[in-house]
PDB file of N, CA and C in Angstrom:
ATOM      1  N   UNK A   1     107.436 106.370  91.664  1.00  0.00           N
ATOM      2  CA  UNK A   1     108.029 107.065  92.450  1.00  0.00           C
ATOM      3  C   UNK A   1     109.779 106.978  92.694  1.00  0.00           C
ATOM      4  N   UNK A   2     110.341 107.918  93.183  1.00  0.00           N
ATOM      5  CA  UNK A   2     112.058 107.735  93.213  1.00  0.00           C
ATOM      6  C   UNK A   2     112.214 106.978  94.557  1.00  0.00           C
ATOM      7  N   UNK A   3     113.165 106.166  94.267  1.00  0.00           N
ATOM      8  CA  UNK A   3     113.812 105.325  95.478  1.00  0.00           C
ATOM      9  C   UNK A   3     115.166 105.722  95.888  1.00  0.00           C
ATOM     10  N   UNK A   4     115.521 105.660  97.086  1.00  0.00           N
ATOM     11  CA  UNK A   4     116.965 105.885  97.684  1.00  0.00           C
ATOM     12  C   UNK A   4     117.491 105.059  98.606  1.00  0.00           C
ATOM     13  N   UNK A   5     118.631 104.512  98.599  1.00  0.00           N
ATOM     14  CA  UNK A   5     119.100 103.558  99.378  1.00  0.00           C
ATOM     15  C   UNK A   5     120.123 104.580 100.376  1.00  0.00           C
ATOM     16  N   UNK A   6     120.223 104.772 101.412  1.00  0.00           N
ATOM     17  CA  UNK A   6     120.861 105.573 102.347  1.00  0.00           C
ATOM     18  C   UNK A   6     121.701 104.722 103.127  1.00  0.00           C
ATOM     19  N   UNK A   7     122.981 104.570 102.425  1.00  0.00           N
ATOM     20  CA  UNK A   7     124.137 103.819 103.102  1.00  0.00           C
ATOM     21  C   UNK A   7     124.811 104.511 104.369  1.00  0.00           C
ATOM     22  N   UNK A   8     124.686 103.886 105.469  1.00  0.00           N
ATOM     23  CA  UNK A   8     125.393 104.874 106.566  1.00  0.00           C
ATOM     24  C   UNK A   8     124.118 105.454 107.465  1.00  0.00           C
ATOM     25  N   UNK A   9     122.763 104.895 107.163  1.00  0.00           N
ATOM     26  CA  UNK A   9     121.602 105.424 107.789  1.00  0.00           C
ATOM     27  C   UNK A   9     121.945 105.218 109.431  1.00  0.00           C
ATOM     28  N   UNK A  10     121.411 106.233 110.084  1.00  0.00           N
ATOM     29  CA  UNK A  10     121.689 106.049 111.810  1.00  0.00           C
ATOM     30  C   UNK A  10     120.536 106.205 112.516  1.00  0.00           C
ATOM     31  N   UNK A  11     120.290 105.807 113.715  1.00  0.00           N
ATOM     32  CA  UNK A  11     119.333 106.030 114.556  1.00  0.00           C
ATOM     33  C   UNK A  11     119.583 107.220 115.137  1.00  0.00           C
ATOM     34  N   UNK A  12     120.834 107.998 115.220  1.00  0.00           N
ATOM     35  CA  UNK A  12     121.183 109.151 115.945  1.00  0.00           C
ATOM     36  C   UNK A  12     120.501 110.285 115.260  1.00  0.00           C
ATOM     37  N   UNK A  13     119.511 110.939 115.692  1.00  0.00           N
ATOM     38  CA  UNK A  13     118.819 111.954 114.855  1.00  0.00           C
ATOM     39  C   UNK A  13     120.047 113.220 114.613  1.00  0.00           C
ATOM     40  N   UNK A  14     120.861 113.333 115.369  1.00  0.00           N
ATOM     41  CA  UNK A  14     121.912 114.507 115.059  1.00  0.00           C
ATOM     42  C   UNK A  14     122.845 114.162 113.768  1.00  0.00           C
ATOM     43  N   UNK A  15     122.994 112.845 113.361  1.00  0.00           N
ATOM     44  CA  UNK A  15     123.657 112.493 112.406  1.00  0.00           C
ATOM     45  C   UNK A  15     123.332 112.583 111.006  1.00  0.00           C
ATOM     46  N   UNK A  16     124.031 113.102 110.131  1.00  0.00           N
ATOM     47  CA  UNK A  16     123.546 113.213 108.827  1.00  0.00           C
ATOM     48  C   UNK A  16     122.819 112.066 108.081  1.00  0.00           C
ATOM     49  N   UNK A  17     123.392 110.900 108.408  1.00  0.00           N
ATOM     50  CA  UNK A  17     122.784 109.629 107.915  1.00  0.00           C
ATOM     51  C   UNK A  17     121.291 109.491 108.486  1.00  0.00           C
ATOM     52  N   UNK A  18     120.934 110.102 109.555  1.00  0.00           N
ATOM     53  CA  UNK A  18     119.641 110.007 109.767  1.00  0.00           C
ATOM     54  C   UNK A  18     118.811 111.194 109.470  1.00  0.00           C
ATOM     55  N   UNK A  19     119.270 112.403 109.220  1.00  0.00           N
ATOM     56  CA  UNK A  19     118.717 113.560 108.905  1.00  0.00           C
ATOM     57  C   UNK A  19     118.323 113.148 107.212  1.00  0.00           C
ATOM     58  N   UNK A  20     119.169 112.630 106.541  1.00  0.00           N
ATOM     59  CA  UNK A  20     119.061 112.138 105.141  1.00  0.00           C
ATOM     60  C   UNK A  20     117.745 111.257 104.968  1.00  0.00           C
ATOM     61  N   UNK A  21     117.737 110.290 105.887  1.00  0.00           N
ATOM     62  CA  UNK A  21     116.513 109.523 105.956  1.00  0.00           C
ATOM     63  C   UNK A  21     115.268 110.315 105.883  1.00  0.00           C
ATOM     64  N   UNK A  22     115.219 110.999 106.868  1.00  0.00           N
ATOM     65  CA  UNK A  22     113.881 111.820 107.386  1.00  0.00           C
ATOM     66  C   UNK A  22     113.849 112.827 105.993  1.00  0.00           C
ATOM     67  N   UNK A  23     114.842 113.288 105.458  1.00  0.00           N
ATOM     68  CA  UNK A  23     114.473 114.402 104.253  1.00  0.00           C
ATOM     69  C   UNK A  23     113.835 113.807 103.087  1.00  0.00           C
ATOM     70  N   UNK A  24     114.415 112.498 102.945  1.00  0.00           N
ATOM     71  CA  UNK A  24     113.965 111.692 101.825  1.00  0.00           C
ATOM     72  C   UNK A  24     112.366 111.250 101.924  1.00  0.00           C
ATOM     73  N   UNK A  25     112.289 110.923 103.035  1.00  0.00           N
ATOM     74  CA  UNK A  25     110.821 110.435 103.625  1.00  0.00           C
ATOM     75  C   UNK A  25     110.003 111.470 103.324  1.00  0.00           C
ATOM     76  N   UNK A  26     110.154 112.827 103.668  1.00  0.00           N
ATOM     77  CA  UNK A  26     109.575 113.932 103.572  1.00  0.00           C
ATOM     78  C   UNK A  26     109.300 114.409 102.208  1.00  0.00           C
ATOM     79  N   UNK A  27     110.348 113.969 101.447  1.00  0.00           N
ATOM     80  CA  UNK A  27     110.157 114.502 100.068  1.00  0.00           C
ATOM     81  C   UNK A  27     109.503 113.217  98.995  1.00  0.00           C
ATOM     82  N   UNK A  28     109.085 112.319  99.599  1.00  0.00           N
ATOM     83  CA  UNK A  28     108.092 111.508  99.158  1.00  0.00           C
ATOM     84  C   UNK A  28     108.792 110.190  98.452  1.00  0.00           C
ATOM     85  N   UNK A  29     110.054 110.184  98.699  1.00  0.00           N
ATOM     86  CA  UNK A  29     111.117 109.024  98.276  1.00  0.00           C
ATOM     87  C   UNK A  29     110.771 107.597  98.746  1.00  0.00           C
ATOM     88  N   UNK A  30     110.732 106.530  98.175  1.00  0.00           N
ATOM     89  CA  UNK A  30     110.791 105.208  98.753  1.00  0.00           C
ATOM     90  C   UNK A  30     112.240 105.021  99.414  1.00  0.00           C
ATOM     91  N   UNK A  31     112.650 104.986 100.766  1.00  0.00           N
ATOM     92  CA  UNK A  31     113.669 104.893 101.351  1.00  0.00           C
ATOM     93  C   UNK A  31     114.196 103.563 101.968  1.00  0.00           C
ATOM     94  N   UNK A  32     115.372 103.329 101.608  1.00  0.00           N
ATOM     95  CA  UNK A  32     115.542 102.001 102.194  1.00  0.00           C
ATOM     96  C   UNK A  32     116.987 102.332 102.868  1.00  0.00           C
ATOM     97  N   UNK A  33     117.088 102.314 104.248  1.00  0.00           N
ATOM     98  CA  UNK A  33     118.203 102.627 105.045  1.00  0.00           C
ATOM     99  C   UNK A  33     119.155 101.267 105.214  1.00  0.00           C
ATOM    100  N   UNK A  34     120.209 101.672 105.165  1.00  0.00           N
ATOM    101  CA  UNK A  34     121.411 100.453 104.975  1.00  0.00           C
ATOM    102  C   UNK A  34     122.214 100.666 106.248  1.00  0.00           C
ATOM    103  N   UNK A  35     122.132  99.875 107.167  1.00  0.00           N
ATOM    104  CA  UNK A  35     122.978 100.022 108.255  1.00  0.00           C
ATOM    105  C   UNK A  35     123.170  98.490 109.006  1.00  0.00           C
ATOM    106  N   UNK A  36     124.364  97.710 108.827  1.00  0.00           N
ATOM    107  CA  UNK A  36     124.247  96.186 109.402  1.00  0.00           C
ATOM    108  C   UNK A  36     124.059  96.154 110.896  1.00  0.00           C
ATOM    109  N   UNK A  37     123.991  97.370 111.753  1.00  0.00           N
ATOM    110  CA  UNK A  37     124.051  96.941 113.105  1.00  0.00           C
ATOM    111  C   UNK A  37     122.345  97.428 113.560  1.00  0.00           C
ATOM    112  N   UNK A  38     121.672  98.057 112.874  1.00  0.00           N
ATOM    113  CA  UNK A  38     120.374  98.522 113.351  1.00  0.00           C
ATOM    114  C   UNK A  38     119.190  97.846 112.478  1.00  0.00           C
ATOM    115  N   UNK A  39     118.210  97.307 113.051  1.00  0.00           N
ATOM    116  CA  UNK A  39     117.040  96.604 112.424  1.00  0.00           C
ATOM    117  C   UNK A  39     116.155  97.840 111.639  1.00  0.00           C
ATOM    118  N   UNK A  40     115.995  98.691 112.328  1.00  0.00           N
ATOM    119  CA  UNK A  40     115.135  99.769 111.956  1.00  0.00           C
ATOM    120  C   UNK A  40     115.615 101.350 112.233  1.00  0.00           C
ATOM    121  N   UNK A  41     115.420 102.104 111.400  1.00  0.00           N
ATOM    122  CA  UNK A  41     115.890 103.649 111.306  1.00  0.00           C
ATOM    123  C   UNK A  41     114.654 104.566 111.090  1.00  0.00           C
ATOM    124  N   UNK A  42     114.443 105.098 112.115  1.00  0.00           N
ATOM    125  CA  UNK A  42     113.176 106.092 111.759  1.00  0.00           C
ATOM    126  C   UNK A  42     111.910 105.449 111.219  1.00  0.00           C
ATOM    127  N   UNK A  43     111.673 104.161 111.879  1.00  0.00           N
ATOM    128  CA  UNK A  43     110.443 103.269 111.471  1.00  0.00           C
ATOM    129  C   UNK A  43     110.442 102.710 110.631  1.00  0.00           C
ATOM    130  N   UNK A  44     111.495 102.754 109.563  1.00  0.00           N
ATOM    131  CA  UNK A  44     111.724 101.702 108.429  1.00  0.00           C
ATOM    132  C   UNK A  44     112.478 100.622 108.630  1.00  0.00           C
ATOM    133  N   UNK A  45     112.189  99.619 108.142  1.00  0.00           N
ATOM    134  CA  UNK A  45     113.132  98.445 108.107  1.00  0.00           C
ATOM    135  C   UNK A  45     114.523  98.707 107.523  1.00  0.00           C
ATOM    136  N   UNK A  46     115.740  98.530 108.157  1.00  0.00           N
ATOM    137  CA  UNK A  46     116.978  98.612 107.805  1.00  0.00           C
ATOM    138  C   UNK A  46     117.536  97.266 107.272  1.00  0.00           C
ATOM    139  N   UNK A  47     118.389  97.485 106.304  1.00  0.00           N
ATOM    140  CA  UNK A  47     119.049  96.387 105.582  1.00  0.00           C
ATOM    141  C   UNK A  47     120.622  96.498 106.183  1.00  0.00           C
ATOM    142  N   UNK A  48     120.987  95.337 106.075  1.00  0.00           N
ATOM    143  CA  UNK A  48     122.519  94.879 106.474  1.00  0.00           C
ATOM    144  C   UNK A  48     123.447  95.591 105.485  1.00  0.00           C
ATOM    145  N   UNK A  49     122.930  95.285 104.292  1.00  0.00           N
ATOM    146  CA  UNK A  49     123.854  95.499 103.090  1.00  0.00           C
ATOM    147  C   UNK A  49     123.018  96.020 101.887  1.00  0.00           C
ATOM    148  N   UNK A  50     123.553  96.916 101.052  1.00  0.00           N
ATOM    149  CA  UNK A  50     123.025  97.212  99.808  1.00  0.00           C
ATOM    150  C   UNK A  50     122.403  96.007  98.909  1.00  0.00           C
ATOM    151  N   UNK A  51     123.082  94.975  99.058  1.00  0.00           N
ATOM    152  CA  UNK A  51     122.552  93.598  98.352  1.00  0.00           C
ATOM    153  C   UNK A  51     121.415  93.112  98.862  1.00  0.00           C
ATOM    154  N   UNK A  52     121.214  93.589 100.318  1.00  0.00           N
ATOM    155  CA  UNK A  52     119.511  93.234 100.712  1.00  0.00           C
ATOM    156  C   UNK A  52     118.401  93.968 100.359  1.00  0.00           C
ATOM    157  N   UNK A  53     118.869  95.133 100.067  1.00  0.00           N
ATOM    158  CA  UNK A  53     117.611  95.932  99.462  1.00  0.00           C
ATOM    159  C   UNK A  53     116.704  95.245  98.490  1.00  0.00           C
ATOM    160  N   UNK A  54     115.467  95.271  98.592  1.00  0.00           N
ATOM    161  CA  UNK A  54     114.642  94.589  97.722  1.00  0.00           C
ATOM    162  C   UNK A  54     114.613  94.949  96.174  1.00  0.00           C
ATOM    163  N   UNK A  55     114.927  96.228  95.973  1.00  0.00           N
ATOM    164  CA  UNK A  55     114.878  96.713  94.384  1.00  0.00           C
ATOM    165  C   UNK A  55     116.044  97.327  94.152  1.00  0.00           C
ATOM    166  N   UNK A  56     116.365  97.684  92.839  1.00  0.00           N
ATOM    167  CA  UNK A  56     117.413  98.629  92.489  1.00  0.00           C
ATOM    168  C   UNK A  56     117.157  99.933  92.741  1.00  0.00           C
ATOM    169  N   UNK A  57     117.777 100.702  93.621  1.00  0.00           N
ATOM    170  CA  UNK A  57     117.453 102.202  94.053  1.00  0.00           C
ATOM    171  C   UNK A  57     117.543 103.103  92.754  1.00  0.00           C
ATOM    172  N   UNK A  58     116.764 104.198  92.609  1.00  0.00           N
ATOM    173  CA  UNK A  58     117.410 105.313  91.709  1.00  0.00           C
ATOM    174  C   UNK A  58     118.656 105.947  92.079  1.00  0.00           C
ATOM    175  N   UNK A  59     118.792 106.138  93.453  1.00  0.00           N
ATOM    176  CA  UNK A  59     119.743 106.736  94.213  1.00  0.00           C
ATOM    177  C   UNK A  59     120.269 105.993  95.315  1.00  0.00           C
ATOM    178  N   UNK A  60     121.692 106.155  95.247  1.00  0.00           N
ATOM    179  CA  UNK A  60     122.363 105.863  96.453  1.00  0.00           C
ATOM    180  C   UNK A  60     123.143 107.025  97.024  1.00  0.00           C
ATOM    181  N   UNK A  61     122.917 106.936  98.424  1.00  0.00           N
ATOM    182  CA  UNK A  61     123.368 108.227  99.184  1.00  0.00           C
ATOM    183  C   UNK A  61     124.167 107.876 100.235  1.00  0.00           C
ATOM    184  N   UNK A  62     125.568 108.031 100.177  1.00  0.00           N
ATOM    185  CA  UNK A  62     126.477 107.369 101.370  1.00  0.00           C
ATOM    186  C   UNK A  62     126.892 108.219 102.172  1.00  0.00           C
ATOM    187  N   UNK A  63     126.977 107.794 103.352  1.00  0.00           N
ATOM    188  CA  UNK A  63     127.305 108.584 104.487  1.00  0.00           C
ATOM    189  C   UNK A  63     128.334 107.583 105.520  1.00  0.00           C
ATOM    190  N   UNK A  64     129.623 107.430 105.060  1.00  0.00           N
ATOM    191  CA  UNK A  64     130.397 106.406 105.462  1.00  0.00           C
ATOM    192  C   UNK A  64     131.816 107.039 105.435  1.00  0.00           C
ATOM    193  N   UNK A  65     132.806 106.537 106.413  1.00  0.00           N
ATOM    194  CA  UNK A  65     134.389 107.166 106.089  1.00  0.00           C
ATOM    195  C   UNK A  65     134.697 106.441 104.658  1.00  0.00           C
ATOM    196  N   UNK A  66     135.865 107.248 104.254  1.00  0.00           N
ATOM    197  CA  UNK A  66     136.418 106.642 102.818  1.00  0.00           C
ATOM    198  C   UNK A  66     136.690 105.356 103.017  1.00  0.00           C
ATOM    199  N   UNK A  67     137.567 104.724 103.827  1.00  0.00           N
ATOM    200  CA  UNK A  67     138.083 103.186 103.888  1.00  0.00           C
ATOM    201  C   UNK A  67     136.963 102.536 103.937  1.00  0.00           C
ATOM    202  N   UNK A  68     135.553 102.622 104.577  1.00  0.00           N
ATOM    203  CA  UNK A  68     134.080 101.831 104.291  1.00  0.00           C
ATOM    204  C   UNK A  68     133.726 101.886 103.077  1.00  0.00           C
ATOM    205  N   UNK A  69     133.643 103.338 102.557  1.00  0.00           N
ATOM    206  CA  UNK A  69     133.212 103.482 101.182  1.00  0.00           C
ATOM    207  C   UNK A  69     133.832 102.530  99.996  1.00  0.00           C
ATOM    208  N   UNK A  70     135.305 102.407 100.243  1.00  0.00           N
ATOM    209  CA  UNK A  70     135.980 101.537  99.307  1.00  0.00           C
ATOM    210  C   UNK A  70     135.361 100.052  99.428  1.00  0.00           C
ATOM    211  N   UNK A  71     134.956  99.715 100.574  1.00  0.00           N
ATOM    212  CA  UNK A  71     134.515  98.184 100.463  1.00  0.00           C
ATOM    213  C   UNK A  71     133.165  98.054 100.236  1.00  0.00           C
ATOM    214  N   UNK A  72     132.450  99.107 100.289  1.00  0.00           N
ATOM    215  CA  UNK A  72     130.993  98.886  99.810  1.00  0.00           C
ATOM    216  C   UNK A  72     130.701  99.390  98.270  1.00  0.00           C
ATOM    217  N   UNK A  73     131.612  99.928  97.861  1.00  0.00           N
ATOM    218  CA  UNK A  73     131.438 100.062  96.348  1.00  0.00           C
ATOM    219  C   UNK A  73     131.306  99.080  95.471  1.00  0.00           C
ATOM    220  N   UNK A  74     131.770  98.095  95.518  1.00  0.00           N
ATOM    221  CA  UNK A  74     131.571  96.933  94.690  1.00  0.00           C
ATOM    222  C   UNK A  74     130.194  96.386  94.936  1.00  0.00           C
ATOM    223  N   UNK A  75     129.810  96.395  96.118  1.00  0.00           N
ATOM    224  CA  UNK A  75     128.287  95.842  96.188  1.00  0.00           C
ATOM    225  C   UNK A  75     127.329  97.201  95.809  1.00  0.00           C
ATOM    226  N   UNK A  76     127.558  98.144  95.565  1.00  0.00           N
ATOM    227  CA  UNK A  76     126.666  99.156  95.132  1.00  0.00           C
ATOM    228  C   UNK A  76     126.749  99.055  93.587  1.00  0.00           C
ATOM    229  N   UNK A  77     127.708  98.962  92.980  1.00  0.00           N
ATOM    230  CA  UNK A  77     127.861  98.591  91.433  1.00  0.00           C
ATOM    231  C   UNK A  77     127.014  97.266  91.103  1.00  0.00           C
ATOM    232  N   UNK A  78     127.219  96.205  92.093  1.00  0.00           N
ATOM    233  CA  UNK A  78     126.533  95.158  91.551  1.00  0.00           C
ATOM    234  C   UNK A  78     124.858  95.383  91.733  1.00  0.00           C
ATOM    235  N   UNK A  79     124.717  96.057  92.652  1.00  0.00           N
ATOM    236  CA  UNK A  79     123.164  96.392  92.723  1.00  0.00           C
ATOM    237  C   UNK A  79     122.653  97.249  91.631  1.00  0.00           C
ATOM    238  N   UNK A  80     123.549  98.471  91.359  1.00  0.00           N
ATOM    239  CA  UNK A  80     122.983  99.207  90.305  1.00  0.00           C
ATOM    240  C   UNK A  80     122.296 100.379  90.783  1.00  0.00           C
ATOM    241  N   UNK A  81     122.220 101.618  90.181  1.00  0.00           N
ATOM    242  CA  UNK A  81     121.791 102.756  90.641  1.00  0.00           C
ATOM    243  C   UNK A  81     121.595 103.743  89.497  1.00  0.00           C
ATOM    244  N   UNK A  82     120.835 104.842  89.454  1.00  0.00           N
ATOM    245  CA  UNK A  82     120.885 105.948  88.565  1.00  0.00           C
ATOM    246  C   UNK A  82     121.905 106.836  88.847  1.00  0.00           C
ATOM    247  N   UNK A  83     121.996 107.268  90.153  1.00  0.00           N
ATOM    248  CA  UNK A  83     122.804 108.178  90.589  1.00  0.00           C
ATOM    249  C   UNK A  83     123.685 107.455  91.885  1.00  0.00           C
ATOM    250  N   UNK A  84     124.774 108.188  92.243  1.00  0.00           N
ATOM    251  CA  UNK A  84     125.551 107.906  93.318  1.00  0.00           C
ATOM    252  C   UNK A  84     125.862 109.158  94.010  1.00  0.00           C
ATOM    253  N   UNK A  85     125.741 109.170  95.161  1.00  0.00           N
ATOM    254  CA  UNK A  85     125.912 110.481  96.032  1.00  0.00           C
ATOM    255  C   UNK A  85     127.078 110.225  96.949  1.00  0.00           C
ATOM    256  N   UNK A  86     128.223 110.752  96.907  1.00  0.00           N
ATOM    257  CA  UNK A  86     129.121 110.710  97.742  1.00  0.00           C
ATOM    258  C   UNK A  86     129.087 111.961  98.736  1.00  0.00           C
ATOM    259  N   UNK A  87     128.471 111.902 100.039  1.00  0.00           N
ATOM    260  CA  UNK A  87     128.648 113.216 100.663  1.00  0.00           C
ATOM    261  C   UNK A  87     129.515 113.623 101.368  1.00  0.00           C
ATOM    262  N   UNK A  88     129.752 114.983 101.502  1.00  0.00           N
ATOM    263  CA  UNK A  88     130.916 115.368 102.284  1.00  0.00           C
ATOM    264  C   UNK A  88     131.560 114.579 103.436  1.00  0.00           C
ATOM    265  N   UNK A  89     133.026 114.160 103.279  1.00  0.00           N
ATOM    266  CA  UNK A  89     133.392 113.268 104.465  1.00  0.00           C
ATOM    267  C   UNK A  89     133.635 112.023 103.850  1.00  0.00           C
ATOM    268  N   UNK A  90     132.613 111.301 102.664  1.00  0.00           N
ATOM    269  CA  UNK A  90     133.127 110.161 102.159  1.00  0.00           C
ATOM    270  C   UNK A  90     133.954 109.854 101.284  1.00  0.00           C
ATOM    271  N   UNK A  91     134.524 111.137 100.527  1.00  0.00           N
ATOM    272  CA  UNK A  91     135.185 111.059  99.430  1.00  0.00           C
ATOM    273  C   UNK A  91     136.666 111.027  99.523  1.00  0.00           C
ATOM    274  N   UNK A  92     137.427 110.425  98.813  1.00  0.00           N
ATOM    275  CA  UNK A  92     139.032 110.526  98.800  1.00  0.00           C
ATOM    276  C   UNK A  92     139.462 110.053  97.307  1.00  0.00           C
ATOM    277  N   UNK A  93     140.961 110.668  97.111  1.00  0.00           N
ATOM    278  CA  UNK A  93     141.063 110.310  95.705  1.00  0.00           C
ATOM    279  C   UNK A  93     140.766 108.810  95.250  1.00  0.00           C
ATOM    280  N   UNK A  94     140.901 107.933  96.271  1.00  0.00           N
ATOM    281  CA  UNK A  94     140.944 106.426  96.025  1.00  0.00           C
ATOM    282  C   UNK A  94     139.382 106.076  95.596  1.00  0.00           C
ATOM    283  N   UNK A  95     138.510 106.874  96.689  1.00  0.00           N
ATOM    284  CA  UNK A  95     137.251 106.439  96.443  1.00  0.00           C
ATOM    285  C   UNK A  95     136.534 106.977  95.203  1.00  0.00           C
ATOM    286  N   UNK A  96     136.973 108.220  94.977  1.00  0.00           N
ATOM    287  CA  UNK A  96     136.560 108.987  93.477  1.00  0.00           C
ATOM    288  C   UNK A  96     136.940 108.135  92.487  1.00  0.00           C
ATOM    289  N   UNK A  97     138.469 107.711  92.281  1.00  0.00           N
ATOM    290  CA  UNK A  97     138.843 106.697  91.175  1.00  0.00           C
ATOM    291  C   UNK A  97     137.891 105.426  91.288  1.00  0.00           C
ATOM    292  N   UNK A  98     137.611 104.828  92.289  1.00  0.00           N
ATOM    293  CA  UNK A  98     137.026 103.707  92.200  1.00  0.00           C
ATOM    294  C   UNK A  98     135.471 103.876  91.856  1.00  0.00           C
ATOM    295  N   UNK A  99     134.865 105.041  92.288  1.00  0.00           N
ATOM    296  CA  UNK A  99     133.464 105.179  92.035  1.00  0.00           C
ATOM    297  C   UNK A  99     133.117 105.486  90.441  1.00  0.00           C
ATOM    298  N   UNK A 100     134.297 106.091  89.872  1.00  0.00           N
ATOM    299  CA  UNK A 100     134.086 106.201  88.255  1.00  0.00           C
ATOM    300  C   UNK A 100     134.399 105.319  87.544  1.00  0.00           C
ATOM    301  N   UNK A 101     134.790 103.823  88.270  1.00  0.00           N
ATOM    302  CA  UNK A 101     135.176 102.868  87.411  1.00  0.00           C
ATOM    303  C   UNK A 101     133.684 102.195  87.155  1.00  0.00           C
TER     304      UNK A 101
END
């Protein structure tokens, strides 16, 4: 079964970080919401950091502004994943350069 860590998962159902969690669950993924301020997102336990996710995810999907993405990329790299998705609004030239490293 595929797994995904959604970084920037939200409890606000109008935000893409929440819509992504629901869509991945519906598609049968094991979903790990990552949000340092929320203990639960859509009934799933949320993790403060990608480092706290219990397993290496197949996919990491990011919903954060570029300055914050730059701060979490090292933790994503340390955890590892098969695919990294930088969703619209998360990318900048600096983020893309760092993600390619």
